[in-house]
Amino acid sequence: MTTRRLEGRKVALAVVGLVAMLAFDYSPVLRGELLAGRDVFRIFFPDSAFLLESLRTGELPLWTPYMRLGQPFAATLYSQVFYPPRWVAVLVSGHIVSMTVMHIAHATLAAVGVFLLARRLRASWPASLVAGAMFGLSP
């Protein structure tokens, strides 16, 4: 077996291990629970509902009339109006589950990305795995 093929298998095995750790860490989500706290209920669920409503009607969500007697929507950074992963998450999973989907997607991407970066910087396999796990699984 060539070293390049063996290297590819090791990368695949390490990525599967990282995803398994993420699945363990986010096991409440696998049981049907949501990752939600006070800010998610107060800010992100209403924002996601308005974003979903706007996307379904084909309107650009610049202004929301529902909060605080109306306020700019696209001008607030936390609304993430122009962030394509937010659109995809809201359209695919709805306004309630979308924040959990985005959270897990970002954590997975962070863990795999740091692992691959550490390998590119010639760190050992265990060190790269620990680096990816610590970054991706940290609060």
C-alpha atoms as a PDB file:
ATOM      1  CA  MET A   1       0.000   0.000   0.000  1.00  0.00           C
ATOM      2  CA  THR A   2       1.378   3.417  -0.891  1.00  0.00           C
ATOM      3  CA  THR A   3       2.113   5.982   1.764  1.00  0.00           C
ATOM      4  CA  ARG A   4      -0.287   8.459   0.151  1.00  0.00           C
ATOM      5  CA  ARG A   5      -3.131   5.949   0.351  1.00  0.00           C
ATOM      6  CA  LEU A   6      -2.269   5.145   3.972  1.00  0.00           C
ATOM      7  CA  GLU A   7      -2.161   8.866   4.756  1.00  0.00           C
ATOM      8  CA  GLY A   8      -5.619   9.314   3.207  1.00  0.00           C
ATOM      9  CA  ARG A   9      -7.022   6.483   5.308  1.00  0.00           C
ATOM     10  CA  LYS A  10      -5.533   7.982   8.456  1.00  0.00           C
ATOM     11  CA  VAL A  11      -7.131  11.349   7.658  1.00  0.00           C
ATOM     12  CA  ALA A  12     -10.493   9.686   7.040  1.00  0.00           C
ATOM     13  CA  LEU A  13     -10.225   7.728  10.288  1.00  0.00           C
ATOM     14  CA  ALA A  14      -9.296  10.851  12.255  1.00  0.00           C
ATOM     15  CA  VAL A  15     -12.182  12.840  10.743  1.00  0.00           C
ATOM     16  CA  VAL A  16     -14.586  10.011  11.620  1.00  0.00           C
ATOM     17  CA  GLY A  17     -13.189  10.061  15.172  1.00  0.00           C
ATOM     18  CA  LEU A  18     -13.724  13.806  15.447  1.00  0.00           C
ATOM     19  CA  VAL A  19     -17.273  13.479  14.171  1.00  0.00           C
ATOM     20  CA  ALA A  20     -17.876  10.685  16.703  1.00  0.00           C
ATOM     21  CA  MET A  21     -16.661  12.986  19.503  1.00  0.00           C
ATOM     22  CA  LEU A  22     -18.933  15.744  18.231  1.00  0.00           C
ATOM     23  CA  ALA A  23     -21.848  13.280  18.176  1.00  0.00           C
ATOM     24  CA  PHE A  24     -21.091  12.344  21.782  1.00  0.00           C
ATOM     25  CA  ASP A  25     -20.817  15.978  22.850  1.00  0.00           C
ATOM     26  CA  TYR A  26     -24.029  16.930  21.069  1.00  0.00           C
ATOM     27  CA  SER A  27     -25.948  13.780  22.025  1.00  0.00           C
ATOM     28  CA  PRO A  28     -28.865  15.843  23.400  1.00  0.00           C
ATOM     29  CA  VAL A  29     -29.463  17.062  19.854  1.00  0.00           C
ATOM     30  CA  LEU A  30     -29.527  13.470  18.623  1.00  0.00           C
ATOM     31  CA  ARG A  31     -32.270  12.830  21.205  1.00  0.00           C
ATOM     32  CA  GLY A  32     -34.333  15.650  19.707  1.00  0.00           C
ATOM     33  CA  GLU A  33     -33.398  18.478  22.064  1.00  0.00           C
ATOM     34  CA  LEU A  34     -32.381  21.962  20.937  1.00  0.00           C
ATOM     35  CA  LEU A  35     -29.339  24.015  21.866  1.00  0.00           C
ATOM     36  CA  ALA A  36     -31.098  27.096  23.114  1.00  0.00           C
ATOM     37  CA  GLY A  37     -30.558  29.651  25.827  1.00  0.00           C
ATOM     38  CA  ARG A  38     -32.037  32.984  26.768  1.00  0.00           C
ATOM     39  CA  ASP A  39     -30.658  34.942  23.792  1.00  0.00           C
ATOM     40  CA  VAL A  40     -31.741  32.303  21.316  1.00  0.00           C
ATOM     41  CA  PHE A  41     -35.348  32.501  22.501  1.00  0.00           C
ATOM     42  CA  ARG A  42     -35.384  36.277  22.749  1.00  0.00           C
ATOM     43  CA  ILE A  43     -33.441  37.250  19.618  1.00  0.00           C
ATOM     44  CA  PHE A  44     -32.688  34.431  17.196  1.00  0.00           C
ATOM     45  CA  PHE A  45     -36.026  32.587  17.050  1.00  0.00           C
ATOM     46  CA  PRO A  46     -37.988  35.760  16.171  1.00  0.00           C
ATOM     47  CA  ASP A  47     -35.259  36.873  13.747  1.00  0.00           C
ATOM     48  CA  SER A  48     -35.225  33.459  12.091  1.00  0.00           C
ATOM     49  CA  ALA A  49     -39.019  33.472  11.773  1.00  0.00           C
ATOM     50  CA  PHE A  50     -38.944  36.883  10.101  1.00  0.00           C
ATOM     51  CA  LEU A  51     -36.055  35.853   7.833  1.00  0.00           C
ATOM     52  CA  LEU A  52     -37.921  32.699   6.813  1.00  0.00           C
ATOM     53  CA  GLU A  53     -41.094  34.690   6.129  1.00  0.00           C
ATOM     54  CA  SER A  54     -39.145  37.174   4.003  1.00  0.00           C
ATOM     55  CA  LEU A  55     -37.293  34.495   2.054  1.00  0.00           C
ATOM     56  CA  ARG A  56     -40.511  32.606   1.319  1.00  0.00           C
ATOM     57  CA  THR A  57     -42.209  35.742  -0.018  1.00  0.00           C
ATOM     58  CA  GLY A  58     -39.143  36.739  -2.026  1.00  0.00           C
ATOM     59  CA  GLU A  59     -38.556  40.009  -0.174  1.00  0.00           C
ATOM     60  CA  LEU A  60     -35.229  41.366   1.011  1.00  0.00           C
ATOM     61  CA  PRO A  61     -35.554  41.626   4.804  1.00  0.00           C
ATOM     62  CA  LEU A  62     -34.343  45.177   5.355  1.00  0.00           C
ATOM     63  CA  TRP A  63     -36.829  46.280   8.033  1.00  0.00           C
ATOM     64  CA  THR A  64     -38.778  44.292  10.603  1.00  0.00           C
ATOM     65  CA  PRO A  65     -42.064  45.825  11.714  1.00  0.00           C
ATOM     66  CA  TYR A  66     -42.554  43.286  14.538  1.00  0.00           C
ATOM     67  CA  MET A  67     -39.916  44.254  17.090  1.00  0.00           C
ATOM     68  CA  ARG A  68     -39.746  47.471  19.098  1.00  0.00           C
ATOM     69  CA  LEU A  69     -42.340  49.226  16.898  1.00  0.00           C
ATOM     70  CA  GLY A  70     -40.164  48.494  13.855  1.00  0.00           C
ATOM     71  CA  GLN A  71     -36.421  48.542  13.446  1.00  0.00           C
ATOM     72  CA  PRO A  72     -33.743  47.893  10.819  1.00  0.00           C
ATOM     73  CA  PHE A  73     -33.217  44.197  10.271  1.00  0.00           C
ATOM     74  CA  ALA A  74     -30.442  43.997   7.694  1.00  0.00           C
ATOM     75  CA  ALA A  75     -28.399  46.613   9.567  1.00  0.00           C
ATOM     76  CA  THR A  76     -28.072  44.486  12.711  1.00  0.00           C
ATOM     77  CA  LEU A  77     -25.065  42.174  12.659  1.00  0.00           C
ATOM     78  CA  TYR A  78     -26.653  39.402  14.714  1.00  0.00           C
ATOM     79  CA  SER A  79     -29.530  38.961  12.245  1.00  0.00           C
ATOM     80  CA  GLN A  80     -27.033  37.515   9.719  1.00  0.00           C
ATOM     81  CA  VAL A  81     -29.245  38.511   6.783  1.00  0.00           C
ATOM     82  CA  PHE A  82     -26.453  38.242   4.213  1.00  0.00           C
ATOM     83  CA  TYR A  83     -24.874  35.025   5.562  1.00  0.00           C
ATOM     84  CA  PRO A  84     -25.748  32.197   3.121  1.00  0.00           C
ATOM     85  CA  PRO A  85     -25.423  29.347   5.681  1.00  0.00           C
ATOM     86  CA  ARG A  86     -28.085  31.100   7.759  1.00  0.00           C
ATOM     87  CA  TRP A  87     -30.431  31.165   4.749  1.00  0.00           C
ATOM     88  CA  VAL A  88     -29.817  27.484   4.051  1.00  0.00           C
ATOM     89  CA  ALA A  89     -30.320  26.483   7.699  1.00  0.00           C
ATOM     90  CA  VAL A  90     -33.545  28.487   8.014  1.00  0.00           C
ATOM     91  CA  LEU A  91     -34.972  27.244   4.712  1.00  0.00           C
ATOM     92  CA  VAL A  92     -34.043  23.604   5.319  1.00  0.00           C
ATOM     93  CA  SER A  93     -34.759  23.182   9.042  1.00  0.00           C
ATOM     94  CA  GLY A  94     -37.157  25.981   9.950  1.00  0.00           C
ATOM     95  CA  HIS A  95     -36.836  28.931  12.268  1.00  0.00           C
ATOM     96  CA  ILE A  96     -36.618  26.958  15.533  1.00  0.00           C
ATOM     97  CA  VAL A  97     -34.120  24.224  14.661  1.00  0.00           C
ATOM     98  CA  SER A  98     -31.932  26.366  12.391  1.00  0.00           C
ATOM     99  CA  MET A  99     -29.779  27.783  15.194  1.00  0.00           C
ATOM    100  CA  THR A 100     -28.962  24.277  16.453  1.00  0.00           C
ATOM    101  CA  VAL A 101     -28.130  23.160  12.906  1.00  0.00           C
ATOM    102  CA  MET A 102     -25.825  26.150  12.398  1.00  0.00           C
ATOM    103  CA  HIS A 103     -24.150  25.619  15.778  1.00  0.00           C
ATOM    104  CA  ILE A 104     -23.347  21.969  15.059  1.00  0.00           C
ATOM    105  CA  ALA A 105     -22.240  22.704  11.488  1.00  0.00           C
ATOM    106  CA  HIS A 106     -19.857  25.417  12.678  1.00  0.00           C
ATOM    107  CA  ALA A 107     -18.468  23.215  15.491  1.00  0.00           C
ATOM    108  CA  THR A 108     -17.886  20.349  13.049  1.00  0.00           C
ATOM    109  CA  LEU A 109     -16.203  22.617  10.533  1.00  0.00           C
ATOM    110  CA  ALA A 110     -14.006  24.107  13.276  1.00  0.00           C
ATOM    111  CA  ALA A 111     -12.909  20.707  14.610  1.00  0.00           C
ATOM    112  CA  VAL A 112     -12.093  19.272  11.192  1.00  0.00           C
ATOM    113  CA  GLY A 113     -10.413  22.490  10.061  1.00  0.00           C
ATOM    114  CA  VAL A 114      -8.107  22.730  13.066  1.00  0.00           C
ATOM    115  CA  PHE A 115      -7.239  19.046  12.762  1.00  0.00           C
ATOM    116  CA  LEU A 116      -6.297  19.486   9.094  1.00  0.00           C
ATOM    117  CA  LEU A 117      -4.384  22.689   9.875  1.00  0.00           C
ATOM    118  CA  ALA A 118      -2.407  20.966  12.615  1.00  0.00           C
ATOM    119  CA  ARG A 119      -1.564  18.113  10.233  1.00  0.00           C
ATOM    120  CA  ARG A 120      -0.450  20.600   7.577  1.00  0.00           C
ATOM    121  CA  LEU A 121       1.781  22.232  10.206  1.00  0.00           C
ATOM    122  CA  ARG A 122       3.275  18.755  10.721  1.00  0.00           C
ATOM    123  CA  ALA A 123       1.882  18.076  14.165  1.00  0.00           C
ATOM    124  CA  SER A 124       1.546  14.421  15.136  1.00  0.00           C
ATOM    125  CA  TRP A 125      -1.721  12.546  14.691  1.00  0.00           C
ATOM    126  CA  PRO A 126      -2.592  12.525  18.405  1.00  0.00           C
ATOM    127  CA  ALA A 127      -1.712  16.217  18.772  1.00  0.00           C
ATOM    128  CA  SER A 128      -3.772  17.127  15.714  1.00  0.00           C
ATOM    129  CA  LEU A 129      -6.718  15.102  16.964  1.00  0.00           C
ATOM    130  CA  VAL A 130      -6.562  16.740  20.384  1.00  0.00           C
ATOM    131  CA  ALA A 131      -6.246  20.212  18.834  1.00  0.00           C
ATOM    132  CA  GLY A 132      -9.249  19.663  16.583  1.00  0.00           C
ATOM    133  CA  ALA A 133     -11.329  18.168  19.382  1.00  0.00           C
ATOM    134  CA  MET A 134     -10.484  20.919  21.857  1.00  0.00           C
ATOM    135  CA  PHE A 135     -11.288  23.703  19.414  1.00  0.00           C
ATOM    136  CA  GLY A 136     -14.413  22.115  17.970  1.00  0.00           C
ATOM    137  CA  LEU A 137     -15.812  20.913  21.286  1.00  0.00           C
ATOM    138  CA  SER A 138     -15.013  23.996  23.362  1.00  0.00           C
ATOM    139  CA  PRO A 139     -17.817  26.280  24.474  1.00  0.00           C
END
